[in-house]
């Protein structure tokens, strides 16, 4: 019971949006392979017990108690380290209260330092691609299947980027208050009329202050790792702001940290920035087409284990709300 409550706390703290050199895997490198007793290396054309392709898993999965204990210690170290950096930047934010947009930059710096540090502590090999697109001013979107996605987003998004979270985030201890102090955006998802008004205000702020935005277009975390239908909010913001959409493809995070688990597996992770999608000629009456187009781009770039099932296809997105 305590373990379950602890994970829920971690998930809440890490479940909101909040660059650097940590060891990462180059495109030509590959994860080490071992064949020690009680270990299983997932090879091509084999099937993982949870249904993922073993080729897509591609890591040495050791379930021994020592490995599990080390993993738990790493998660605790992440939690404590994050509490320290959060406290430090909370003090900085308070000192910068008269300068709201300086607080946005400090919030990004907090994310760069904290996200980089957390991924270093966890030790997963990371491959970064398309980084030439990572400084584009635009609307950054990414698929979401693990708390690790948040660490990666914190690390790689450019300075001058704000996130969107539900308004209740302010009640989450320390991290929620830092989110608000960093001048990030909140939205009332329970009220469609207020949400639409918020989207217009968000677009106005992005244009006026020359900011970028980071958003999870699925609107929630995928429990299976497979891509979910996209909601329409990011397209509405693009229509209002005329900013390009910059897709970020995250792979492997659902294998590394699974739901309701205190075990972070050494699965290789990949972050791939795709070329920005221009939106300056988009029109209001084709919103569903744009959502489906962007969703299809993700389907084309994700591995089979993360592609949506037929019932989760882009046509479902047409039925979803903002």
Protein backbone atom coordinates (compact mmCIF):
# COMPACT_ATOMS: atom_id res chain seq x y z
CA UNK A 1 0.00 0.00 0.00
CA UNK A 2 2.81 2.39 0.90
CA UNK A 3 4.57 1.59 -2.36
CA UNK A 4 1.40 2.33 -4.33
CA UNK A 5 0.90 5.67 -2.55
CA UNK A 6 4.54 6.59 -3.04
CA UNK A 7 4.35 5.94 -6.78
CA UNK A 8 1.16 7.98 -7.06
CA UNK A 9 2.91 10.89 -5.36
CA UNK A 10 5.86 10.57 -7.71
CA UNK A 11 3.57 10.38 -10.70
CA UNK A 12 1.71 13.50 -9.64
CA UNK A 13 4.91 15.44 -9.03
CA UNK A 14 6.39 14.37 -12.33
CA UNK A 15 3.16 14.35 -14.35
CA UNK A 16 3.27 17.99 -15.41
CA UNK A 17 5.38 19.91 -17.85
CA UNK A 18 7.96 21.68 -16.42
CA UNK A 19 19.41 20.90 -22.55
CA UNK A 20 22.82 19.70 -21.64
CA UNK A 21 25.24 16.86 -22.17
CA UNK A 22 24.42 13.61 -20.44
CA UNK A 23 25.66 10.29 -21.76
CA UNK A 24 23.50 9.43 -24.73
CA UNK A 25 23.55 6.81 -27.42
CA UNK A 26 24.69 7.84 -30.88
CA UNK A 27 22.73 6.69 -33.91
CA UNK A 28 25.31 4.03 -34.71
CA UNK A 29 25.67 2.67 -31.19
CA UNK A 30 23.64 -0.19 -29.75
CA UNK A 31 22.77 -1.31 -26.21
CA UNK A 32 25.05 -3.93 -24.69
CA UNK A 33 23.88 -7.54 -24.88
CA UNK A 34 24.42 -10.10 -22.14
CA UNK A 35 23.30 -13.65 -21.55
CA UNK A 36 23.78 -14.02 -17.80
CA UNK A 37 21.59 -16.40 -15.86
CA UNK A 38 18.15 -15.02 -14.90
CA UNK A 39 18.44 -12.30 -17.55
CA UNK A 40 16.63 -12.06 -20.84
CA UNK A 41 17.79 -10.02 -23.82
CA UNK A 42 14.90 -9.28 -26.13
CA UNK A 43 15.99 -10.16 -29.65
CA UNK A 44 14.41 -9.39 -33.00
CA UNK A 45 11.26 -11.30 -33.97
CA UNK A 46 10.59 -12.39 -30.38
CA UNK A 47 7.67 -11.20 -28.28
CA UNK A 48 7.90 -9.55 -24.89
CA UNK A 49 5.43 -10.93 -22.30
CA UNK A 50 3.59 -7.57 -22.26
CA UNK A 51 3.18 -7.68 -26.03
CA UNK A 52 6.00 -5.39 -27.11
CA UNK A 53 8.31 -6.48 -29.87
CA UNK A 54 11.55 -7.68 -28.38
CA UNK A 55 13.38 -5.85 -31.11
CA UNK A 56 11.78 -2.65 -29.89
CA UNK A 57 12.62 -3.48 -26.28
CA UNK A 58 16.30 -4.20 -27.04
CA UNK A 59 17.68 -4.18 -23.50
CA UNK A 60 18.97 -6.51 -20.80
CA UNK A 61 16.03 -6.99 -18.41
CA UNK A 62 17.32 -8.22 -15.07
CA UNK A 63 14.61 -8.81 -12.43
CA UNK A 64 17.02 -9.75 -9.68
CA UNK A 65 16.48 -8.14 -6.28
CA UNK A 66 19.76 -6.23 -6.44
CA UNK A 67 18.76 -4.58 -9.70
CA UNK A 68 15.31 -3.74 -8.36
CA UNK A 69 16.83 -2.28 -5.17
CA UNK A 70 19.24 -0.12 -7.18
CA UNK A 71 16.34 1.08 -9.30
CA UNK A 72 14.32 2.07 -6.23
CA UNK A 73 17.33 3.94 -4.83
CA UNK A 74 17.70 5.80 -8.11
CA UNK A 75 14.05 6.86 -8.01
CA UNK A 76 14.43 8.04 -4.43
CA UNK A 77 17.58 9.95 -5.45
CA UNK A 78 15.58 11.54 -8.28
CA UNK A 79 12.82 12.56 -5.89
CA UNK A 80 15.21 14.07 -3.33
CA UNK A 81 17.29 15.83 -6.00
CA UNK A 82 14.17 17.28 -7.55
CA UNK A 83 12.99 18.55 -4.17
CA UNK A 84 16.34 20.34 -3.71
CA UNK A 85 16.35 22.03 -7.12
CA UNK A 86 12.66 22.88 -6.78
CA UNK A 87 13.28 24.61 -3.45
CA UNK A 88 16.27 26.55 -4.85
CA UNK A 89 14.35 27.76 -7.89
CA UNK A 90 11.29 28.59 -5.79
CA UNK A 91 13.43 31.08 -3.88
CA UNK A 92 14.72 32.53 -7.15
CA UNK A 93 11.15 32.85 -8.48
CA UNK A 94 10.02 34.74 -5.39
CA UNK A 95 12.87 37.21 -5.85
CA UNK A 96 11.78 37.67 -9.48
CA UNK A 97 8.09 38.29 -8.73
CA UNK A 98 8.11 41.77 -10.35
CA UNK A 99 9.45 40.30 -13.62
CA UNK A 100 6.99 37.60 -14.76
CA UNK A 101 8.67 36.73 -18.06
CA UNK A 102 12.09 36.44 -16.46
CA UNK A 103 10.46 33.80 -14.29
CA UNK A 104 9.53 31.84 -17.43
CA UNK A 105 13.20 31.74 -18.44
CA UNK A 106 14.20 30.67 -14.95
CA UNK A 107 11.55 27.96 -15.08
CA UNK A 108 13.12 26.66 -18.28
CA UNK A 109 16.58 26.77 -16.70
CA UNK A 110 15.21 24.80 -13.75
CA UNK A 111 13.87 22.23 -16.21
CA UNK A 112 17.13 21.99 -18.13
CA UNK A 113 19.15 21.41 -14.96
CA UNK A 114 16.64 19.15 -13.22
CA UNK A 115 15.64 17.10 -16.26
CA UNK A 116 19.26 16.55 -17.26
CA UNK A 117 20.17 15.57 -13.69
CA UNK A 118 17.27 13.13 -13.30
CA UNK A 119 18.05 11.35 -16.56
CA UNK A 120 21.71 11.12 -15.53
CA UNK A 121 20.70 9.54 -12.21
CA UNK A 122 18.47 6.97 -13.92
CA UNK A 123 21.23 6.13 -16.41
CA UNK A 124 19.18 5.11 -19.47
CA UNK A 125 21.06 5.40 -22.79
CA UNK A 126 19.51 8.22 -24.82
CA UNK A 127 19.66 8.90 -28.54
CA UNK A 128 18.93 12.47 -29.65
CA UNK A 129 17.97 13.21 -33.25
CA UNK A 130 16.87 16.30 -35.15
CA UNK A 131 18.28 18.67 -32.55
CA UNK A 132 18.64 21.31 -35.26
CA UNK A 133 14.88 21.80 -34.91
CA UNK A 134 14.97 22.11 -31.12
CA UNK A 135 15.42 25.89 -31.05
CA UNK A 136 12.54 26.70 -33.36
CA UNK A 137 9.97 29.03 -31.86
CA UNK A 138 6.74 27.10 -32.11
CA UNK A 139 4.28 24.69 -30.54
CA UNK A 140 6.15 21.59 -29.35
CA UNK A 141 4.12 18.41 -29.05
CA UNK A 142 5.11 14.92 -27.94
CA UNK A 143 3.58 11.53 -27.24
CA UNK A 144 3.22 10.65 -23.56
CA UNK A 145 3.56 7.14 -22.13
CA UNK A 146 5.74 7.45 -19.02
CA UNK A 147 6.84 9.85 -16.27
CA UNK A 148 10.21 9.83 -18.04
CA UNK A 149 8.64 11.85 -20.86
CA UNK A 150 8.33 14.77 -18.46
CA UNK A 151 12.02 14.58 -17.49
CA UNK A 152 12.99 14.57 -21.17
CA UNK A 153 10.67 17.48 -21.98
CA UNK A 154 12.14 19.49 -19.11
CA UNK A 155 15.62 18.86 -20.48
CA UNK A 156 15.24 19.44 -24.23
CA UNK A 157 12.66 22.21 -24.70
CA UNK A 158 14.17 25.61 -25.57
CA UNK A 159 14.34 28.61 -23.25
CA UNK A 160 11.26 30.77 -23.61
CA UNK A 161 8.82 27.85 -23.59
CA UNK A 162 5.71 27.64 -21.43
CA UNK A 163 3.61 24.62 -20.60
CA UNK A 164 -0.09 24.06 -20.04
CA UNK A 165 -1.50 22.18 -17.07
CA UNK A 166 -4.90 21.86 -15.43
CA UNK A 167 -5.64 24.64 -12.97
CA UNK A 168 -5.53 22.25 -9.98
CA UNK A 169 -1.75 21.90 -10.32
CA UNK A 170 -1.33 24.76 -7.86
CA UNK A 171 -2.35 22.40 -5.03
CA UNK A 172 0.48 19.92 -5.63
CA UNK A 173 3.15 20.41 -2.93
CA UNK A 174 6.08 22.66 -3.88
CA UNK A 175 6.15 21.67 -7.55
CA UNK A 176 2.70 23.15 -8.20
CA UNK A 177 3.63 26.43 -6.58
CA UNK A 178 6.87 26.55 -8.60
CA UNK A 179 4.87 25.93 -11.77
CA UNK A 180 2.69 28.94 -11.03
CA UNK A 181 5.67 31.08 -9.97
CA UNK A 182 7.35 30.22 -13.28
CA UNK A 183 4.41 31.91 -15.00
CA UNK A 184 3.36 28.81 -16.90
CA UNK A 185 -0.20 28.50 -18.13
CA UNK A 186 -3.21 26.80 -16.58
CA UNK A 187 -6.50 25.79 -18.12
CA UNK A 188 -9.89 24.77 -16.77
CA UNK A 189 -10.53 21.51 -18.63
CA UNK A 190 -13.84 20.92 -16.87
CA UNK A 191 -15.42 23.98 -18.48
CA UNK A 192 -15.42 23.87 -22.32
CA UNK A 193 -16.35 27.56 -22.67
CA UNK A 194 -13.56 28.58 -20.29
CA UNK A 195 -11.14 26.24 -22.09
CA UNK A 196 -11.88 27.89 -25.44
CA UNK A 197 -11.37 31.31 -23.90
CA UNK A 198 -8.10 30.11 -22.35
CA UNK A 199 -6.85 28.85 -25.72
CA UNK A 200 -7.38 32.27 -27.26
CA UNK A 201 -5.58 33.90 -24.35
CA UNK A 202 -2.71 31.41 -24.61
CA UNK A 203 -2.30 32.17 -28.33
CA UNK A 204 -2.33 35.90 -27.60
CA UNK A 205 0.39 35.54 -24.95
CA UNK A 206 2.56 33.36 -27.21
CA UNK A 207 2.46 35.96 -29.97
CA UNK A 208 2.82 39.04 -27.77
CA UNK A 209 5.70 37.72 -25.68
CA UNK A 210 7.36 35.67 -28.47
CA UNK A 211 7.13 32.42 -26.52
CA UNK A 212 6.98 28.75 -27.47
CA UNK A 213 4.56 26.19 -26.05
CA UNK A 214 4.90 22.54 -25.01
CA UNK A 215 1.80 20.34 -24.90
CA UNK A 216 0.88 16.65 -24.85
CA UNK A 217 -1.68 16.36 -27.68
CA UNK A 218 -3.09 13.07 -26.36
CA UNK A 219 -4.27 14.94 -23.27
CA UNK A 220 -3.28 12.08 -20.96
CA UNK A 221 -0.65 9.38 -20.50
CA UNK A 222 -0.98 6.20 -22.52
CA UNK A 223 -1.17 3.19 -20.19
CA UNK A 224 -0.03 0.75 -22.89
CA UNK A 225 2.62 2.92 -24.55
CA UNK A 226 0.58 2.98 -27.75
CA UNK A 227 -0.28 6.33 -29.29
CA UNK A 228 -3.69 7.64 -28.27
CA UNK A 229 -6.02 9.88 -30.31
CA UNK A 230 -5.04 13.55 -30.34
CA UNK A 231 -7.24 16.25 -28.91
CA UNK A 232 -7.75 19.41 -30.94
CA UNK A 233 -6.40 22.03 -28.55
CA UNK A 234 -2.91 22.26 -30.08
CA UNK A 235 -4.40 22.85 -33.54
CA UNK A 236 -6.67 25.61 -32.25
CA UNK A 237 -3.65 27.29 -30.62
CA UNK A 238 -1.71 26.97 -33.90
CA UNK A 239 -4.60 28.54 -35.80
CA UNK A 240 -4.74 31.47 -33.39
CA UNK A 241 -0.98 32.03 -33.11
CA UNK A 242 0.18 30.91 -36.60
CA UNK A 243 3.18 29.29 -34.92
CA UNK A 244 4.66 26.13 -36.50
CA UNK A 245 4.09 22.77 -34.82
CA UNK A 246 7.30 20.91 -33.88
CA UNK A 247 6.65 17.18 -33.31
CA UNK A 248 8.86 15.35 -30.82
CA UNK A 249 8.83 11.55 -31.01
CA UNK A 250 9.60 9.74 -27.73
CA UNK A 251 10.34 6.03 -27.94
CA UNK A 252 11.23 3.48 -25.27
CA UNK A 253 10.03 5.42 -22.23
CA UNK A 254 7.02 3.12 -21.74
CA UNK A 255 9.42 0.15 -21.47
CA UNK A 256 11.78 1.94 -19.08
CA UNK A 257 9.23 3.06 -16.50
CA UNK A 258 5.92 1.26 -16.51
CA UNK A 259 2.73 2.21 -14.74
CA UNK A 260 2.53 1.33 -11.03
CA UNK A 261 6.17 0.26 -10.92
CA UNK A 262 9.13 1.40 -8.83
CA UNK A 263 11.49 -0.28 -11.30
CA UNK A 264 13.17 1.81 -13.99
CA UNK A 265 14.54 -0.60 -16.58
CA UNK A 266 17.66 0.20 -18.64
CA UNK A 267 15.68 0.48 -21.87
CA UNK A 268 17.30 2.70 -24.52
CA UNK A 269 15.36 5.91 -25.08
CA UNK A 270 15.13 8.10 -28.15
CA UNK A 271 14.03 11.70 -28.65
CA UNK A 272 13.54 12.75 -32.24
CA UNK A 273 12.60 16.27 -33.33
CA UNK A 274 10.85 16.37 -36.69
CA UNK A 275 10.89 19.35 -39.07
CA UNK A 276 8.42 22.08 -38.07
CA UNK A 277 4.98 21.99 -39.68
CA UNK A 278 3.95 25.40 -41.00
CA UNK A 279 0.49 26.53 -39.94
CA UNK A 280 0.27 30.09 -41.30
CA UNK A 281 -2.09 28.98 -44.09
CA UNK A 282 -4.31 26.73 -41.94
CA UNK A 283 -8.03 27.47 -41.79
CA UNK A 284 -10.65 26.90 -39.08
CA UNK A 285 -12.90 24.53 -41.02
CA UNK A 286 -10.17 21.90 -41.47
CA UNK A 287 -9.24 21.36 -37.81
CA UNK A 288 -10.01 17.62 -37.84
CA UNK A 289 -7.91 17.14 -40.99
CA UNK A 290 -4.92 18.81 -39.36
CA UNK A 291 -5.28 16.71 -36.22
CA UNK A 292 -5.38 13.54 -38.32
CA UNK A 293 -2.41 14.66 -40.43
CA UNK A 294 -0.21 15.27 -37.38
CA UNK A 295 -1.40 12.03 -35.77
CA UNK A 296 -0.43 10.13 -38.93
CA UNK A 297 3.06 11.64 -38.77
CA UNK A 298 3.46 10.07 -35.34
CA UNK A 299 2.13 6.73 -36.53
CA UNK A 300 4.70 6.73 -39.34
CA UNK A 301 7.60 7.51 -37.00
CA UNK A 302 6.79 5.33 -33.98
CA UNK A 303 7.89 1.68 -33.68
CA UNK A 304 5.22 -1.00 -34.08
CA UNK A 305 4.94 -1.48 -30.31
CA UNK A 306 3.85 2.16 -29.93
CA UNK A 307 1.60 2.48 -32.95
CA UNK A 308 -2.11 2.81 -32.07
CA UNK A 309 -4.47 -0.11 -32.36
CA UNK A 310 -7.18 0.19 -35.01
CA UNK A 311 -9.75 1.21 -32.40
CA UNK A 312 -7.40 4.00 -31.26
CA UNK A 313 -6.89 5.43 -34.74
CA UNK A 314 -6.99 9.14 -35.63
CA UNK A 315 -10.67 8.99 -36.56
CA UNK A 316 -11.38 8.76 -32.82
CA UNK A 317 -9.74 12.14 -32.36
CA UNK A 318 -12.55 13.75 -34.31
CA UNK A 319 -14.87 12.87 -31.45
CA UNK A 320 -12.68 14.21 -28.69
CA UNK A 321 -13.06 17.58 -27.03
CA UNK A 322 -10.40 20.26 -26.59
